[in-house]
Amino acid sequence: MKTDIEYLACPYSHPSSEIRAMRYEMVNKVAGKLISDGRIIFSPISHSHSIQVSSTDTDSWDKWSVQDFAFLDVSKRLLVLTLPGWNKSRGVKDEMARARRKRIPIGYLNVVGEEIPVGGKTLWRGRQHTIGG
């Protein structure tokens, strides 16, 4: 039985609730695909989005990082879903820096054929599919 946990990071914070919801939906789709492939995935956005939406004092990365790093520290790999903004996201940057310090391998995921419509226009269109790293 495979028990290696992979931590699936992606950008989340954004002034637009539509963008946050889109990021949540996309990471859920990717997490579901990876789980269907037999991988053990922890997706902090999938886990935390509903809690954040329902709570008034859990909207800062400083609070979430304590939760997220506990899971990252026991993971065998960090997978970064490269949605728009991934390379500017404070959370993703901090997760990657911690993974490097802990010598946790980092892989990048780009999703083919996915389009993300928000407000009548496509925000992102996946062009390449890379799972691994």
Protein backbone atom coordinates (compact mmCIF):
# COMPACT_ATOMS: atom_id res chain seq x y z
CA MET A 1 0.00 0.00 0.00
CA LYS A 2 1.42 3.34 -1.08
CA THR A 3 1.45 5.94 1.70
CA ASP A 4 3.73 8.68 0.36
CA ILE A 5 1.84 11.95 0.79
CA GLU A 6 2.15 14.58 -1.93
CA TYR A 7 1.27 18.16 -1.02
CA LEU A 8 -0.59 20.03 -3.79
CA ALA A 9 0.03 23.78 -3.68
CA CYS A 10 -1.56 26.50 -5.78
CA PRO A 11 -2.25 30.21 -5.47
CA TYR A 12 -5.42 31.10 -3.57
CA SER A 13 -5.54 34.64 -2.18
CA HIS A 14 -6.97 37.27 -4.51
CA PRO A 15 -9.21 40.32 -4.05
CA SER A 16 -11.82 38.67 -6.30
CA SER A 17 -13.97 35.97 -4.71
CA GLU A 18 -14.56 34.62 -8.26
CA ILE A 19 -10.83 34.07 -8.73
CA ARG A 20 -10.52 32.38 -5.32
CA ALA A 21 -13.47 30.10 -6.20
CA MET A 22 -11.94 29.29 -9.61
CA ARG A 23 -8.63 28.37 -7.99
CA TYR A 24 -10.49 26.16 -5.50
CA GLU A 25 -12.38 24.38 -8.31
CA MET A 26 -9.27 23.83 -10.41
CA VAL A 27 -7.16 22.43 -7.56
CA ASN A 28 -10.05 20.11 -6.64
CA LYS A 29 -10.18 18.78 -10.22
CA VAL A 30 -6.44 18.16 -10.23
CA ALA A 31 -6.44 16.61 -6.75
CA GLY A 32 -9.30 14.33 -7.79
CA LYS A 33 -7.42 13.19 -10.89
CA LEU A 34 -4.25 12.49 -8.90
CA ILE A 35 -6.22 10.58 -6.25
CA SER A 36 -7.97 8.58 -9.00
CA ASP A 37 -4.50 7.70 -10.28
CA GLY A 38 -3.75 6.13 -6.89
CA ARG A 39 -1.70 8.94 -5.39
CA ILE A 40 -2.02 10.16 -1.80
CA ILE A 41 -2.71 13.90 -2.06
CA PHE A 42 -3.11 16.62 0.53
CA SER A 43 -4.52 19.79 -1.03
CA PRO A 44 -4.51 22.62 1.51
CA ILE A 45 -6.85 24.77 -0.60
CA SER A 46 -9.34 21.89 -0.95
CA HIS A 47 -9.15 21.36 2.80
CA SER A 48 -9.22 24.99 3.89
CA HIS A 49 -11.41 26.94 1.43
CA SER A 50 -14.73 26.06 3.09
CA ILE A 51 -13.30 26.76 6.53
CA GLN A 52 -11.99 30.14 5.39
CA VAL A 53 -15.31 31.07 3.77
CA SER A 54 -17.21 30.13 6.97
CA SER A 55 -14.86 31.79 9.43
CA THR A 56 -14.07 35.40 10.22
CA ASP A 57 -10.57 35.08 11.65
CA THR A 58 -8.81 32.61 9.35
CA ASP A 59 -8.07 34.73 6.30
CA SER A 60 -4.35 35.36 6.73
CA TRP A 61 -1.47 33.32 5.39
CA ASP A 62 0.26 33.72 8.76
CA LYS A 63 -2.52 31.62 10.34
CA TRP A 64 -2.86 29.11 7.49
CA SER A 65 0.89 28.56 7.14
CA VAL A 66 1.02 26.91 10.58
CA GLN A 67 -1.63 24.41 9.45
CA ASP A 68 -0.18 23.89 5.99
CA PHE A 69 3.46 23.47 7.03
CA ALA A 70 2.49 20.65 9.42
CA PHE A 71 1.25 18.69 6.38
CA LEU A 72 4.06 19.78 4.07
CA ASP A 73 6.67 18.63 6.59
CA VAL A 74 5.42 15.03 6.41
CA SER A 75 4.97 15.02 2.63
CA LYS A 76 7.32 13.25 0.25
CA ARG A 77 6.84 15.80 -2.54
CA LEU A 78 5.49 19.29 -3.12
CA LEU A 79 3.45 19.60 -6.32
CA VAL A 80 2.82 23.15 -7.55
CA LEU A 81 -0.24 23.71 -9.72
CA THR A 82 0.85 26.52 -12.02
CA LEU A 83 -2.38 28.49 -12.22
CA PRO A 84 -1.98 32.17 -13.08
CA GLY A 85 -0.24 33.94 -10.22
CA TRP A 86 1.50 30.84 -8.82
CA ASN A 87 4.92 32.47 -9.10
CA LYS A 88 3.73 35.61 -7.31
CA SER A 89 1.78 33.87 -4.53
CA ARG A 90 3.27 34.44 -1.08
CA GLY A 91 1.88 31.11 0.09
CA VAL A 92 3.32 29.13 -2.84
CA LYS A 93 6.67 30.91 -2.49
CA ASP A 94 6.78 30.13 1.23
CA GLU A 95 5.77 26.49 0.62
CA MET A 96 8.50 26.11 -1.99
CA ALA A 97 11.12 27.71 0.26
CA ARG A 98 10.17 25.40 3.12
CA ALA A 99 10.27 22.37 0.84
CA ARG A 100 13.76 23.34 -0.30
CA ARG A 101 14.92 23.78 3.32
CA LYS A 102 13.48 20.37 4.22
CA ARG A 103 14.86 18.83 1.01
CA ILE A 104 11.39 17.86 -0.19
CA PRO A 105 11.37 17.45 -4.00
CA ILE A 106 9.25 19.94 -5.96
CA GLY A 107 7.24 19.11 -9.08
CA TYR A 108 5.13 21.38 -11.28
CA LEU A 109 1.73 20.64 -12.81
CA ASN A 110 0.21 22.33 -15.84
CA VAL A 111 -3.18 21.07 -16.91
CA VAL A 112 -4.02 20.49 -20.58
CA GLY A 113 -7.29 21.54 -22.09
CA GLU A 114 -8.73 23.27 -19.05
CA GLU A 115 -10.21 26.68 -19.56
CA ILE A 116 -11.19 28.90 -16.68
CA PRO A 117 -14.01 31.27 -17.56
CA VAL A 118 -14.69 34.15 -15.17
CA GLY A 119 -16.91 37.10 -16.00
CA GLY A 120 -17.43 36.03 -19.61
CA LYS A 121 -13.75 35.71 -20.54
CA THR A 122 -11.21 32.93 -20.29
CA LEU A 123 -8.70 33.68 -17.55
CA TRP A 124 -6.44 30.71 -18.14
CA ARG A 125 -6.05 27.98 -20.68
CA GLY A 126 -3.84 25.00 -19.85
CA ARG A 127 -1.40 24.11 -22.60
CA GLN A 128 0.80 21.39 -21.21
CA HIS A 129 0.43 18.49 -18.83
CA THR A 130 3.34 17.74 -16.54
CA ILE A 131 2.86 15.64 -13.46
CA GLY A 132 5.99 14.67 -11.66
CA GLY A 133 9.17 16.39 -10.77
